[in-house]
C-alpha atoms as a PDB file:
ATOM      1  CA  MET A   1      92.519 136.927 -29.496  1.00  0.00           C
ATOM      2  CA  ALA A   2      89.269 137.802 -29.943  1.00  0.00           C
ATOM      3  CA  SER A   3      87.605 138.959 -26.851  1.00  0.00           C
ATOM      4  CA  SER A   4      83.864 137.074 -26.138  1.00  0.00           C
ATOM      5  CA  PRO A   5      81.353 140.042 -25.739  1.00  0.00           C
ATOM      6  CA  ARG A   6      80.566 140.075 -21.994  1.00  0.00           C
ATOM      7  CA  ALA A   7      76.760 139.281 -20.803  1.00  0.00           C
ATOM      8  CA  PRO A   8      75.070 141.810 -18.590  1.00  0.00           C
ATOM      9  CA  ALA A   9      76.023 142.020 -15.289  1.00  0.00           C
ATOM     10  CA  ASP A  10      73.327 140.144 -13.124  1.00  0.00           C
ATOM     11  CA  PRO A  11      71.118 142.693 -10.959  1.00  0.00           C
ATOM     12  CA  VAL A  12      70.349 139.605  -8.565  1.00  0.00           C
ATOM     13  CA  ASP A  13      73.213 138.609  -6.055  1.00  0.00           C
ATOM     14  CA  ALA A  14      73.282 135.198  -5.345  1.00  0.00           C
ATOM     15  CA  ARG A  15      75.058 135.688  -2.244  1.00  0.00           C
ATOM     16  CA  LEU A  16      71.945 137.334  -0.689  1.00  0.00           C
ATOM     17  CA  VAL A  17      69.404 134.864  -2.001  1.00  0.00           C
ATOM     18  CA  ARG A  18      71.311 131.778  -0.438  1.00  0.00           C
ATOM     19  CA  LYS A  19      71.876 134.470   3.023  1.00  0.00           C
ATOM     20  CA  LEU A  20      67.618 134.889   2.626  1.00  0.00           C
ATOM     21  CA  ALA A  21      67.814 131.298   2.600  1.00  0.00           C
ATOM     22  CA  ASP A  22      69.584 131.055   5.681  1.00  0.00           C
ATOM     23  CA  ILE A  23      67.307 133.354   7.332  1.00  0.00           C
ATOM     24  CA  LEU A  24      64.167 131.282   6.391  1.00  0.00           C
ATOM     25  CA  THR A  25      65.436 128.046   7.343  1.00  0.00           C
ATOM     26  CA  ASP A  26      66.854 129.588  10.893  1.00  0.00           C
ATOM     27  CA  THR A  27      63.646 131.507  11.909  1.00  0.00           C
ATOM     28  CA  GLY A  28      61.346 129.031  10.478  1.00  0.00           C
ATOM     29  CA  LEU A  29      59.741 131.494   8.290  1.00  0.00           C
ATOM     30  CA  THR A  30      58.253 130.376   5.118  1.00  0.00           C
ATOM     31  CA  GLU A  31      58.373 133.360   2.993  1.00  0.00           C
ATOM     32  CA  ILE A  32      60.552 136.104   3.300  1.00  0.00           C
ATOM     33  CA  GLU A  33      60.736 139.368   0.995  1.00  0.00           C
ATOM     34  CA  VAL A  34      63.461 141.961   0.130  1.00  0.00           C
ATOM     35  CA  GLU A  35      62.852 145.456  -1.630  1.00  0.00           C
ATOM     36  CA  HIS A  36      65.866 147.662  -2.134  1.00  0.00           C
ATOM     37  CA  LYS A  37      66.973 150.447  -4.989  1.00  0.00           C
ATOM     38  CA  GLY A  38      64.261 148.595  -7.167  1.00  0.00           C
ATOM     39  CA  LEU A  39      65.318 145.558  -6.812  1.00  0.00           C
ATOM     40  CA  LYS A  40      63.111 143.214  -4.769  1.00  0.00           C
ATOM     41  CA  ILE A  41      63.568 139.658  -4.075  1.00  0.00           C
ATOM     42  CA  ARG A  42      61.298 137.244  -2.811  1.00  0.00           C
ATOM     43  CA  VAL A  43      62.482 134.140  -1.341  1.00  0.00           C
ATOM     44  CA  ALA A  44      60.111 131.078  -0.267  1.00  0.00           C
ATOM     45  CA  LYS A  45      60.130 127.535   0.639  1.00  0.00           C
ATOM     46  CA  GLN A  46      57.104 125.082  -0.465  1.00  0.00           C
ATOM     47  CA  MET A  47      55.812 123.042   3.117  1.00  0.00           C
ATOM     48  CA  THR A  48      54.476 119.615   2.398  1.00  0.00           C
ATOM     49  CA  ALA A  49      52.058 118.005   4.955  1.00  0.00           C
ATOM     50  CA  ALA A  50      53.894 115.497   6.898  1.00  0.00           C
ATOM     51  CA  PRO A  51      50.882 112.183   6.402  1.00  0.00           C
ATOM     52  CA  MET A  52      48.947 111.541   9.282  1.00  0.00           C
ATOM     53  CA  GLN A  53      50.346 108.290   9.952  1.00  0.00           C
ATOM     54  CA  MET A  54      54.039 109.753  10.564  1.00  0.00           C
ATOM     55  CA  MET A  55      52.271 112.464  12.948  1.00  0.00           C
ATOM     56  CA  ALA A  56      50.934 109.656  14.696  1.00  0.00           C
ATOM     57  CA  GLN A  57      54.262 108.105  15.602  1.00  0.00           C
ATOM     58  CA  ALA A  58      54.894 110.987  18.581  1.00  0.00           C
ATOM     59  CA  PRO A  59      56.217 109.965  21.070  1.00  0.00           C
ATOM     60  CA  ALA A  60      53.835 109.128  24.228  1.00  0.00           C
ATOM     61  CA  PRO A  61      54.366 108.218  27.371  1.00  0.00           C
ATOM     62  CA  ALA A  62      56.205 104.880  27.916  1.00  0.00           C
ATOM     63  CA  ALA A  63      54.205 102.278  29.461  1.00  0.00           C
ATOM     64  CA  ALA A  64      55.386  98.493  30.345  1.00  0.00           C
ATOM     65  CA  PRO A  65      56.386  96.581  26.758  1.00  0.00           C
ATOM     66  CA  GLN A  66      53.482  94.292  25.887  1.00  0.00           C
ATOM     67  CA  PRO A  67      52.633  92.768  22.665  1.00  0.00           C
ATOM     68  CA  ALA A  68      50.102  94.466  20.993  1.00  0.00           C
ATOM     69  CA  PRO A  69      47.706  92.486  19.760  1.00  0.00           C
ATOM     70  CA  SER A  70      45.776  92.906  16.526  1.00  0.00           C
ATOM     71  CA  ALA A  71      43.353  95.686  16.148  1.00  0.00           C
ATOM     72  CA  PRO A  72      40.232  93.756  15.348  1.00  0.00           C
ATOM     73  CA  ALA A  73      41.443  91.370  18.484  1.00  0.00           C
ATOM     74  CA  ALA A  74      41.494  94.327  20.589  1.00  0.00           C
ATOM     75  CA  THR A  75      38.215  95.612  19.314  1.00  0.00           C
ATOM     76  CA  ALA A  76      36.430  91.890  20.435  1.00  0.00           C
ATOM     77  CA  ALA A  77      37.914  91.671  23.257  1.00  0.00           C
ATOM     78  CA  ARG A  78      36.223  95.485  24.310  1.00  0.00           C
ATOM     79  CA  ALA A  79      33.342  94.237  23.092  1.00  0.00           C
ATOM     80  CA  GLU A  80      33.045  91.388  24.956  1.00  0.00           C
ATOM     81  CA  ALA A  81      34.029  92.591  28.469  1.00  0.00           C
ATOM     82  CA  ALA A  82      31.984  96.114  27.935  1.00  0.00           C
ATOM     83  CA  PRO A  83      28.172  94.935  28.853  1.00  0.00           C
ATOM     84  CA  VAL A  84      29.573  92.365  31.868  1.00  0.00           C
ATOM     85  CA  GLN A  85      31.413  95.242  33.606  1.00  0.00           C
ATOM     86  CA  ARG A  86      28.478  97.858  33.072  1.00  0.00           C
ATOM     87  CA  ALA A  87      26.488  98.572  36.386  1.00  0.00           C
ATOM     88  CA  ARG A  88      23.313 100.190  36.585  1.00  0.00           C
ATOM     89  CA  GLY A  89      22.969 104.355  35.471  1.00  0.00           C
ATOM     90  CA  ASP A  90      23.366 106.506  32.731  1.00  0.00           C
ATOM     91  CA  THR A  91      26.728 105.560  30.668  1.00  0.00           C
ATOM     92  CA  VAL A  92      28.669 108.788  30.036  1.00  0.00           C
ATOM     93  CA  ASN A  93      30.185 108.102  26.622  1.00  0.00           C
ATOM     94  CA  SER A  94      33.641 109.780  24.874  1.00  0.00           C
ATOM     95  CA  PRO A  95      32.717 112.824  22.424  1.00  0.00           C
ATOM     96  CA  MET A  96      35.581 112.615  20.838  1.00  0.00           C
ATOM     97  CA  VAL A  97      38.816 110.140  19.785  1.00  0.00           C
ATOM     98  CA  GLY A  98      41.976 111.490  22.303  1.00  0.00           C
ATOM     99  CA  SER A  99      43.262 110.273  25.175  1.00  0.00           C
ATOM    100  CA  VAL A 100      41.497 110.007  28.039  1.00  0.00           C
ATOM    101  CA  TYR A 101      42.633 111.735  31.635  1.00  0.00           C
ATOM    102  CA  LEU A 102      41.752 110.624  34.822  1.00  0.00           C
ATOM    103  CA  GLN A 103      43.263 114.093  36.266  1.00  0.00           C
ATOM    104  CA  PRO A 104      44.195 117.791  35.914  1.00  0.00           C
ATOM    105  CA  GLN A 105      47.520 116.853  36.209  1.00  0.00           C
ATOM    106  CA  PRO A 106      49.911 114.377  36.525  1.00  0.00           C
ATOM    107  CA  GLY A 107      50.271 113.762  40.623  1.00  0.00           C
ATOM    108  CA  SER A 108      46.841 115.917  41.574  1.00  0.00           C
ATOM    109  CA  PRO A 109      43.976 113.816  42.400  1.00  0.00           C
ATOM    110  CA  ALA A 110      41.449 112.764  40.446  1.00  0.00           C
ATOM    111  CA  PHE A 111      38.177 114.823  39.031  1.00  0.00           C
ATOM    112  CA  VAL A 112      35.928 112.315  40.611  1.00  0.00           C
ATOM    113  CA  LYS A 113      35.818 108.511  41.769  1.00  0.00           C
ATOM    114  CA  VAL A 114      33.795 105.453  42.475  1.00  0.00           C
ATOM    115  CA  GLY A 115      31.022 106.609  44.973  1.00  0.00           C
ATOM    116  CA  ASP A 116      31.660 110.619  44.817  1.00  0.00           C
ATOM    117  CA  THR A 117      28.356 112.344  44.229  1.00  0.00           C
ATOM    118  CA  VAL A 118      28.707 114.939  40.788  1.00  0.00           C
ATOM    119  CA  VAL A 119      26.313 117.779  39.990  1.00  0.00           C
ATOM    120  CA  ALA A 120      25.325 118.125  36.396  1.00  0.00           C
ATOM    121  CA  GLY A 121      28.474 119.565  34.804  1.00  0.00           C
ATOM    122  CA  GLN A 122      30.787 118.465  36.912  1.00  0.00           C
ATOM    123  CA  THR A 123      33.955 117.663  35.149  1.00  0.00           C
ATOM    124  CA  LEU A 124      34.407 113.973  35.160  1.00  0.00           C
ATOM    125  CA  MET A 125      37.466 113.781  33.057  1.00  0.00           C
ATOM    126  CA  ILE A 126      39.689 115.542  30.217  1.00  0.00           C
ATOM    127  CA  VAL A 127      40.021 114.169  26.775  1.00  0.00           C
ATOM    128  CA  GLU A 128      43.022 115.508  24.824  1.00  0.00           C
ATOM    129  CA  ALA A 129      42.558 115.642  21.087  1.00  0.00           C
ATOM    130  CA  MET A 130      45.366 117.331  18.895  1.00  0.00           C
ATOM    131  CA  LYS A 131      47.390 119.401  22.283  1.00  0.00           C
ATOM    132  CA  THR A 132      43.799 120.487  23.320  1.00  0.00           C
ATOM    133  CA  MET A 133      42.283 119.275  26.804  1.00  0.00           C
ATOM    134  CA  ASN A 134      38.555 118.954  26.877  1.00  0.00           C
ATOM    135  CA  PRO A 135      36.764 118.768  29.530  1.00  0.00           C
ATOM    136  CA  ILE A 136      33.857 115.797  30.131  1.00  0.00           C
ATOM    137  CA  PRO A 137      30.765 117.438  32.439  1.00  0.00           C
ATOM    138  CA  ALA A 138      28.525 114.787  34.042  1.00  0.00           C
ATOM    139  CA  PRO A 139      25.816 114.986  31.906  1.00  0.00           C
ATOM    140  CA  LYS A 140      23.400 114.949  35.162  1.00  0.00           C
ATOM    141  CA  GLY A 141      23.866 114.809  38.751  1.00  0.00           C
ATOM    142  CA  GLY A 142      24.506 111.473  40.944  1.00  0.00           C
ATOM    143  CA  ARG A 143      26.554 108.841  42.244  1.00  0.00           C
ATOM    144  CA  ILE A 144      29.621 107.374  39.927  1.00  0.00           C
ATOM    145  CA  VAL A 145      29.197 103.813  40.293  1.00  0.00           C
ATOM    146  CA  GLU A 146      32.212 102.735  37.632  1.00  0.00           C
ATOM    147  CA  ILE A 147      34.668 104.396  36.232  1.00  0.00           C
ATOM    148  CA  LEU A 148      35.456 102.885  32.978  1.00  0.00           C
ATOM    149  CA  VAL A 149      38.807 103.789  31.559  1.00  0.00           C
ATOM    150  CA  GLU A 150      42.505 103.831  32.865  1.00  0.00           C
ATOM    151  CA  ASP A 151      44.376 107.485  33.055  1.00  0.00           C
ATOM    152  CA  GLY A 152      46.142 107.963  29.700  1.00  0.00           C
ATOM    153  CA  GLN A 153      43.751 105.461  27.601  1.00  0.00           C
ATOM    154  CA  PRO A 154      43.143 106.306  24.022  1.00  0.00           C
ATOM    155  CA  VAL A 155      39.266 106.624  23.639  1.00  0.00           C
ATOM    156  CA  GLU A 156      37.037 106.231  20.766  1.00  0.00           C
ATOM    157  CA  PHE A 157      34.144 108.268  19.617  1.00  0.00           C
ATOM    158  CA  GLY A 158      31.084 106.870  21.254  1.00  0.00           C
ATOM    159  CA  GLU A 159      33.494 104.769  24.124  1.00  0.00           C
ATOM    160  CA  PRO A 160      32.029 104.369  27.617  1.00  0.00           C
ATOM    161  CA  LEU A 161      33.655 106.627  30.079  1.00  0.00           C
ATOM    162  CA  ALA A 162      31.755 106.348  33.602  1.00  0.00           C
ATOM    163  CA  VAL A 163      28.312 105.112  34.791  1.00  0.00           C
ATOM    164  CA  ILE A 164      26.472 107.632  36.780  1.00  0.00           C
ATOM    165  CA  GLU A 165      23.112 106.661  38.774  1.00  0.00           C
END
């Protein structure tokens, strides 16, 4: 019987590569490189960004189940209700899209309430955008005559938040 010629020994240890890949998975790293006796092995995994709509499905605080109106109907309802509810004074609008919070932490007192006197720069509420809490300062001193949002409510850019006179 003739023996087949032997392939040269593979200098790369498949078990080592698998072990490095397991380290990537266990640690959350995206790349690891090892060099030993002149042999360099680099293992990397490609990360792909999740579509934005998938990220928007993160758990939110639970509210009482209600059928959600279609987006145009909800916007139209807000547009119709907004002018009727406006008090005299200057409107403080949201500078960004996010969720508005009326107090610094759940269970603590609100930053301000209707009837409070505020000074320019005083925090009225916060808008959370991308896990960042952004204080909304009073643009001028005066009295809070109306708060137009509920705690935890999503807000759009430019949406009225409060009225100061």
